[in-house]
C-alpha atoms as a PDB file:
ATOM      1  CA  MET A   1       2.073-126.901 -79.242  1.00  0.00           C
ATOM      2  CA  PRO A   2      -0.759-126.661 -81.795  1.00  0.00           C
ATOM      3  CA  THR A   3      -2.591-123.317 -82.030  1.00  0.00           C
ATOM      4  CA  THR A   4      -6.187-123.147 -81.688  1.00  0.00           C
ATOM      5  CA  GLN A   5      -8.187-120.538 -83.930  1.00  0.00           C
ATOM      6  CA  GLN A   6     -10.086-118.184 -81.748  1.00  0.00           C
ATOM      7  CA  GLU A   7     -13.727-117.517 -82.754  1.00  0.00           C
ATOM      8  CA  PRO A   8     -14.075-113.832 -84.117  1.00  0.00           C
ATOM      9  CA  ASP A   9     -15.892-111.355 -82.178  1.00  0.00           C
ATOM     10  CA  PHE A  10     -18.746-110.492 -84.416  1.00  0.00           C
ATOM     11  CA  ALA A  11     -20.097-107.799 -82.197  1.00  0.00           C
ATOM     12  CA  GLU A  12     -17.308-105.398 -83.115  1.00  0.00           C
ATOM     13  CA  TRP A  13     -17.664-106.034 -86.819  1.00  0.00           C
ATOM     14  CA  THR A  14     -19.375-103.694 -89.283  1.00  0.00           C
ATOM     15  CA  GLN A  15     -21.640-105.203 -92.065  1.00  0.00           C
ATOM     16  CA  ASP A  16     -18.914-104.301 -94.532  1.00  0.00           C
ATOM     17  CA  SER A  17     -16.168-105.915 -92.453  1.00  0.00           C
ATOM     18  CA  TYR A  18     -18.288-108.984 -91.681  1.00  0.00           C
ATOM     19  CA  LEU A  19     -19.031-109.413 -95.474  1.00  0.00           C
ATOM     20  CA  THR A  20     -15.490-108.907 -96.554  1.00  0.00           C
ATOM     21  CA  HIS A  21     -13.440-110.487 -94.031  1.00  0.00           C
ATOM     22  CA  ARG A  22     -15.804-113.438 -93.114  1.00  0.00           C
ATOM     23  CA  VAL A  23     -18.331-114.233 -95.731  1.00  0.00           C
ATOM     24  CA  ARG A  24     -16.522-113.465 -98.960  1.00  0.00           C
ATOM     25  CA  HIS A  25     -13.264-115.041 -97.391  1.00  0.00           C
ATOM     26  CA  LYS A  26     -15.268-118.037 -96.637  1.00  0.00           C
ATOM     27  CA  ILE A  27     -16.874-118.118-100.216  1.00  0.00           C
ATOM     28  CA  ASN A  28     -13.424-117.940-101.701  1.00  0.00           C
ATOM     29  CA  SER A  29     -11.876-120.460 -99.444  1.00  0.00           C
ATOM     30  CA  TYR A  30     -14.690-123.101-100.369  1.00  0.00           C
ATOM     31  CA  THR A  31     -14.442-122.170-104.041  1.00  0.00           C
ATOM     32  CA  GLN A  32     -10.752-123.231-103.839  1.00  0.00           C
ATOM     33  CA  LYS A  33     -11.208-126.290-101.618  1.00  0.00           C
ATOM     34  CA  GLY A  34     -14.163-127.334-103.704  1.00  0.00           C
ATOM     35  CA  GLU A  35     -12.127-127.099-106.958  1.00  0.00           C
ATOM     36  CA  ARG A  36      -9.228-129.227-105.336  1.00  0.00           C
ATOM     37  CA  TYR A  37     -11.561-131.957-104.349  1.00  0.00           C
ATOM     38  CA  ARG A  38     -13.336-131.820-107.877  1.00  0.00           C
ATOM     39  CA  LEU A  39      -9.733-132.168-109.563  1.00  0.00           C
ATOM     40  CA  GLY A  40      -9.112-135.156-107.227  1.00  0.00           C
ATOM     41  CA  HIS A  41     -12.279-136.828-107.824  1.00  0.00           C
ATOM     42  CA  THR A  42     -11.765-136.265-111.681  1.00  0.00           C
ATOM     43  CA  VAL A  43      -8.351-137.735-111.551  1.00  0.00           C
ATOM     44  CA  VAL A  44      -9.274-140.860-109.632  1.00  0.00           C
ATOM     45  CA  ALA A  45     -12.390-141.610-111.312  1.00  0.00           C
ATOM     46  CA  LEU A  46     -10.747-141.386-114.763  1.00  0.00           C
ATOM     47  CA  SER A  47      -7.633-143.313-113.855  1.00  0.00           C
ATOM     48  CA  THR A  48      -9.554-146.064-112.139  1.00  0.00           C
ATOM     49  CA  THR A  49     -12.008-146.351-115.068  1.00  0.00           C
ATOM     50  CA  VAL A  50      -9.030-146.537-117.603  1.00  0.00           C
ATOM     51  CA  GLY A  51      -7.028-148.898-115.438  1.00  0.00           C
ATOM     52  CA  ALA A  52      -9.863-151.092-114.828  1.00  0.00           C
ATOM     53  CA  ALA A  53     -10.774-151.259-118.558  1.00  0.00           C
ATOM     54  CA  SER A  54      -7.136-151.850-119.548  1.00  0.00           C
ATOM     55  CA  VAL A  55      -6.483-154.865-117.486  1.00  0.00           C
ATOM     56  CA  PRO A  56      -8.333-157.283-119.584  1.00  0.00           C
ATOM     57  CA  VAL A  57      -6.878-156.069-122.721  1.00  0.00           C
ATOM     58  CA  LEU A  58      -3.344-156.115-121.186  1.00  0.00           C
ATOM     59  CA  ILE A  59      -3.832-159.801-120.050  1.00  0.00           C
ATOM     60  CA  ASN A  60      -4.820-160.816-123.743  1.00  0.00           C
ATOM     61  CA  ILE A  61      -1.652-159.143-125.322  1.00  0.00           C
ATOM     62  CA  ASN A  62       0.901-161.759-126.582  1.00  0.00           C
ATOM     63  CA  GLY A  63       4.287-161.248-125.063  1.00  0.00           C
ATOM     64  CA  MET A  64       2.908-158.782-122.284  1.00  0.00           C
ATOM     65  CA  PRO A  65       4.621-159.580-118.985  1.00  0.00           C
ATOM     66  CA  GLU A  66       2.224-160.917-116.557  1.00  0.00           C
ATOM     67  CA  ILE A  67       3.329-158.257-113.928  1.00  0.00           C
ATOM     68  CA  VAL A  68       1.951-155.448-116.029  1.00  0.00           C
ATOM     69  CA  PRO A  69      -1.807-156.109-115.897  1.00  0.00           C
ATOM     70  CA  THR A  70      -1.058-157.062-111.962  1.00  0.00           C
ATOM     71  CA  ILE A  71       0.398-153.824-111.141  1.00  0.00           C
ATOM     72  CA  VAL A  72      -2.464-151.876-113.190  1.00  0.00           C
ATOM     73  CA  GLY A  73      -4.975-153.810-111.266  1.00  0.00           C
ATOM     74  CA  LEU A  74      -3.084-153.116-107.904  1.00  0.00           C
ATOM     75  CA  LEU A  75      -3.123-149.381-108.825  1.00  0.00           C
ATOM     76  CA  VAL A  76      -6.881-149.460-109.460  1.00  0.00           C
ATOM     77  CA  THR A  77      -7.553-151.092-106.097  1.00  0.00           C
ATOM     78  CA  ILE A  78      -5.360-148.555-104.362  1.00  0.00           C
ATOM     79  CA  LEU A  79      -6.993-145.595-105.989  1.00  0.00           C
ATOM     80  CA  VAL A  80     -10.438-147.066-105.185  1.00  0.00           C
ATOM     81  CA  GLY A  81      -9.221-147.222-101.631  1.00  0.00           C
ATOM     82  CA  ILE A  82      -8.098-143.682-101.611  1.00  0.00           C
ATOM     83  CA  GLU A  83     -11.382-142.468-102.961  1.00  0.00           C
ATOM     84  CA  GLY A  84     -13.127-144.400-100.325  1.00  0.00           C
ATOM     85  CA  ALA A  85     -11.057-143.013 -97.421  1.00  0.00           C
ATOM     86  CA  ILE A  86     -10.980-139.406 -98.764  1.00  0.00           C
ATOM     87  CA  HIS A  87     -14.350-138.992-100.326  1.00  0.00           C
ATOM     88  CA  PHE A  88     -13.221-136.525-103.004  1.00  0.00           C
ATOM     89  CA  ARG A  89     -16.555-136.093-104.519  1.00  0.00           C
ATOM     90  CA  GLY A  90     -18.578-135.711-101.275  1.00  0.00           C
ATOM     91  CA  HIS A  91     -16.100-132.854-100.018  1.00  0.00           C
ATOM     92  CA  TRP A  92     -16.329-131.167-103.621  1.00  0.00           C
ATOM     93  CA  ARG A  93     -20.152-131.194-103.369  1.00  0.00           C
ATOM     94  CA  ASN A  94     -20.363-130.212 -99.823  1.00  0.00           C
ATOM     95  CA  TYR A  95     -18.146-127.177-100.334  1.00  0.00           C
ATOM     96  CA  ASP A  96     -19.944-126.282-103.440  1.00  0.00           C
ATOM     97  CA  LEU A  97     -23.363-126.369-101.830  1.00  0.00           C
ATOM     98  CA  ILE A  98     -22.079-124.269 -98.783  1.00  0.00           C
ATOM     99  CA  LYS A  99     -20.649-121.789-100.938  1.00  0.00           C
ATOM    100  CA  THR A 100     -23.787-121.501-103.067  1.00  0.00           C
ATOM    101  CA  LEU A 101     -25.868-121.216 -99.817  1.00  0.00           C
ATOM    102  CA  LEU A 102     -23.381-118.183 -98.567  1.00  0.00           C
ATOM    103  CA  ARG A 103     -23.804-116.461-101.982  1.00  0.00           C
ATOM    104  CA  ARG A 104     -27.687-116.899-102.096  1.00  0.00           C
ATOM    105  CA  GLU A 105     -27.764-115.668 -98.352  1.00  0.00           C
ATOM    106  CA  THR A 106     -25.681-112.548 -99.041  1.00  0.00           C
ATOM    107  CA  ASN A 107     -27.630-111.639-102.290  1.00  0.00           C
ATOM    108  CA  LEU A 108     -30.822-111.769-100.214  1.00  0.00           C
ATOM    109  CA  PHE A 109     -29.608-109.732 -97.541  1.00  0.00           C
ATOM    110  CA  LEU A 110     -27.993-107.237 -99.546  1.00  0.00           C
ATOM    111  CA  ALA A 111     -31.215-106.865-101.675  1.00  0.00           C
ATOM    112  CA  LYS A 112     -33.241-106.967 -98.562  1.00  0.00           C
ATOM    113  CA  ALA A 113     -35.520-109.546-100.130  1.00  0.00           C
ATOM    114  CA  GLY A 114     -36.858-112.783 -99.207  1.00  0.00           C
ATOM    115  CA  HIS A 115     -36.974-113.476 -95.549  1.00  0.00           C
ATOM    116  CA  TYR A 116     -34.983-110.052 -94.916  1.00  0.00           C
ATOM    117  CA  GLN A 117     -38.008-107.960 -95.970  1.00  0.00           C
ATOM    118  CA  PRO A 118     -39.990-107.977 -92.806  1.00  0.00           C
ATOM    119  CA  PHE A 119     -37.243-106.981 -90.305  1.00  0.00           C
ATOM    120  CA  PRO A 120     -37.960-103.924 -88.647  1.00  0.00           C
ATOM    121  CA  SER A 121     -34.280-102.432 -88.618  1.00  0.00           C
ATOM    122  CA  GLU A 122     -31.141-103.014 -90.416  1.00  0.00           C
ATOM    123  CA  ASN A 123     -29.542-104.154 -87.334  1.00  0.00           C
ATOM    124  CA  ALA A 124     -31.964-107.050 -86.894  1.00  0.00           C
ATOM    125  CA  ALA A 125     -31.690-108.211 -90.191  1.00  0.00           C
ATOM    126  CA  PHE A 126     -27.817-108.105 -90.042  1.00  0.00           C
ATOM    127  CA  ARG A 127     -28.057-110.178 -86.639  1.00  0.00           C
ATOM    128  CA  TYR A 128     -30.330-112.647 -88.398  1.00  0.00           C
ATOM    129  CA  TYR A 129     -27.911-112.784 -91.612  1.00  0.00           C
ATOM    130  CA  VAL A 130     -24.821-113.511 -89.154  1.00  0.00           C
ATOM    131  CA  GLU A 131     -26.578-116.149 -87.476  1.00  0.00           C
ATOM    132  CA  THR A 132     -27.648-117.750 -90.751  1.00  0.00           C
ATOM    133  CA  VAL A 133     -24.214-117.566 -92.113  1.00  0.00           C
ATOM    134  CA  GLU A 134     -22.481-118.968 -89.014  1.00  0.00           C
ATOM    135  CA  ALA A 135     -24.838-121.726 -88.995  1.00  0.00           C
ATOM    136  CA  GLU A 136     -23.886-122.911 -92.571  1.00  0.00           C
ATOM    137  CA  ILE A 137     -20.101-122.300 -92.071  1.00  0.00           C
ATOM    138  CA  ILE A 138     -18.045-125.665 -91.382  1.00  0.00           C
ATOM    139  CA  PRO A 139     -16.750-125.386 -87.874  1.00  0.00           C
ATOM    140  CA  ASN A 140     -13.034-125.072 -87.601  1.00  0.00           C
ATOM    141  CA  ASP A 141     -12.340-124.711 -91.322  1.00  0.00           C
ATOM    142  CA  PRO A 142     -10.162-121.781 -91.712  1.00  0.00           C
END
């Protein structure tokens, strides 16, 4: 039976515990996931480019078995299909964007700058910060 992740009870968290256990954890998680998708995008993009460019050359090499350019062309087609299904670049850019937004919001909150200046109390600013961060976090993304 699959386990479901419970929503954290932020009412019991202090600013420090929220920053450490929720925000910094998410920033680190999004950094790692973004790097994996970036690597996937780079490998697939380079492989398809090299493979597609090599097919005409392989066809024109005397003595090259016909199956070799066919297999290379098939691999290029498969890689393009994988990229179309997984969208490495889109995921990489999304994780990078969310990570950047969380860092920016955290820096503004900690410095009491930007839209955190006018809050009448530290508690009100923290509640607004939590609402803003939670709106940016991808749902059900551990």
